[in-house]
């Protein structure tokens, strides 16, 4: 990602009380690792981290994508979407999931 994206991310992490410095980078690494890791680690309920941090990674990325300037979000989104596509290709829709939950929590 470009230096502009990195600067915008740091600015957001300093401004948003829900974030700490480095949260978005950690979330991106975690989500990417989860999407391409062992199938048993894809979802918290089926072998992922018991603390729920695996779905937390995608939540942090969603927060960032909504809060960053449009151009910055577009560049970050291209990286996140690669992991999203991989996650979607390795999971199934959960017919019993809460429809108001984020899409990544509606997967088996």
Protein backbone atom coordinates (compact mmCIF):
# COMPACT_ATOMS: atom_id res chain seq x y z
CA UNK A 1 0.00 0.00 0.00
CA UNK A 2 1.09 3.56 -0.60
CA UNK A 3 2.57 5.94 1.94
CA UNK A 4 -0.62 8.03 1.74
CA UNK A 5 -2.67 5.02 2.85
CA UNK A 6 -0.28 4.33 5.73
CA UNK A 7 -0.45 7.99 6.84
CA UNK A 8 -4.27 8.05 6.65
CA UNK A 9 -4.44 4.82 8.67
CA UNK A 10 -2.16 6.20 11.40
CA UNK A 11 -4.25 9.39 11.49
CA UNK A 12 -7.43 7.33 11.88
CA UNK A 13 -5.93 5.16 14.61
CA UNK A 14 -4.90 8.26 16.56
CA UNK A 15 -8.29 9.96 16.10
CA UNK A 16 -10.69 7.04 16.69
CA UNK A 17 -11.03 6.06 20.35
CA UNK A 18 -11.90 2.47 19.40
CA UNK A 19 -8.48 1.95 17.80
CA UNK A 20 -4.87 1.87 18.95
CA UNK A 21 -1.80 2.40 16.78
CA UNK A 22 -1.16 -0.71 14.71
CA UNK A 23 -4.67 -2.18 15.06
CA UNK A 24 -5.48 -1.98 11.36
CA UNK A 25 -2.20 -3.57 10.28
CA UNK A 26 -2.69 -6.36 12.86
CA UNK A 27 -6.26 -6.86 11.66
CA UNK A 28 -5.17 -7.03 8.02
CA UNK A 29 -2.46 -9.59 8.81
CA UNK A 30 -4.84 -11.62 10.98
CA UNK A 31 -7.70 -11.61 8.47
CA UNK A 32 -5.39 -12.51 5.57
CA UNK A 33 -3.79 -15.31 7.61
CA UNK A 34 -7.18 -16.63 8.66
CA UNK A 35 -8.53 -16.62 5.10
CA UNK A 36 -5.63 -18.66 3.74
CA UNK A 37 -4.89 -20.74 6.87
CA UNK A 38 -6.16 -24.19 7.79
CA UNK A 39 -9.88 -24.75 7.27
CA UNK A 40 -10.25 -25.62 10.96
CA UNK A 41 -9.26 -22.05 11.85
CA UNK A 42 -11.71 -20.28 9.54
CA UNK A 43 -14.32 -19.51 12.16
CA UNK A 44 -14.15 -18.98 15.91
CA UNK A 45 -16.87 -21.54 16.60
CA UNK A 46 -15.00 -24.21 14.64
CA UNK A 47 -11.47 -24.02 15.98
CA UNK A 48 -10.46 -20.40 15.64
CA UNK A 49 -9.24 -18.31 18.49
CA UNK A 50 -11.58 -18.76 21.50
CA UNK A 51 -11.30 -15.04 22.33
CA UNK A 52 -13.12 -14.15 19.10
CA UNK A 53 -10.21 -12.17 17.66
CA UNK A 54 -10.54 -13.81 14.26
CA UNK A 55 -13.91 -12.18 13.53
CA UNK A 56 -12.65 -9.09 15.37
CA UNK A 57 -9.99 -8.69 12.66
CA UNK A 58 -12.65 -8.27 9.98
CA UNK A 59 -14.67 -5.96 12.22
CA UNK A 60 -11.66 -3.62 12.63
CA UNK A 61 -11.11 -3.64 8.86
CA UNK A 62 -14.77 -2.82 8.28
CA UNK A 63 -14.52 0.08 10.71
CA UNK A 64 -11.42 1.36 8.88
CA UNK A 65 -12.99 1.00 5.44
CA UNK A 66 -15.98 3.07 6.56
CA UNK A 67 -13.94 5.77 8.32
CA UNK A 68 -11.01 6.31 5.93
CA UNK A 69 -11.16 8.83 3.06
CA UNK A 70 -12.65 7.31 -0.09
CA UNK A 71 -9.40 6.96 -2.06
CA UNK A 72 -7.55 5.47 0.87
CA UNK A 73 -10.41 3.09 1.60
CA UNK A 74 -10.42 1.98 -2.05
CA UNK A 75 -6.74 1.00 -1.89
CA UNK A 76 -7.19 -0.82 1.43
CA UNK A 77 -10.38 -2.46 0.15
CA UNK A 78 -8.50 -4.04 -2.76
CA UNK A 79 -6.24 -5.83 -0.27
CA UNK A 80 -9.07 -6.77 2.09
CA UNK A 81 -11.25 -8.07 -0.76
CA UNK A 82 -8.59 -10.61 -1.74
CA UNK A 83 -8.84 -12.13 1.75
CA UNK A 84 -12.65 -11.77 1.71
CA UNK A 85 -12.86 -13.68 -1.58
CA UNK A 86 -10.65 -16.44 -0.20
CA UNK A 87 -12.76 -16.64 2.99
CA UNK A 88 -16.01 -16.75 0.97
CA UNK A 89 -14.67 -19.49 -1.28
CA UNK A 90 -13.83 -21.64 1.74
CA UNK A 91 -17.05 -21.17 3.73
CA UNK A 92 -20.78 -21.64 3.23
CA UNK A 93 -23.73 -19.41 4.04
CA UNK A 94 -25.17 -20.23 7.46
CA UNK A 95 -28.96 -20.46 7.08
CA UNK A 96 -29.40 -20.03 10.87
CA UNK A 97 -27.23 -16.93 11.18
CA UNK A 98 -28.61 -13.66 12.41
CA UNK A 99 -29.35 -11.69 9.22
CA UNK A 100 -28.42 -8.47 10.97
CA UNK A 101 -24.90 -9.77 11.74
CA UNK A 102 -21.99 -8.77 9.50
CA UNK A 103 -21.63 -11.03 6.47
CA UNK A 104 -18.45 -12.71 7.78
CA UNK A 105 -20.38 -13.88 10.86
CA UNK A 106 -23.05 -15.44 8.65
CA UNK A 107 -20.71 -18.12 7.30
CA UNK A 108 -20.05 -21.77 8.21
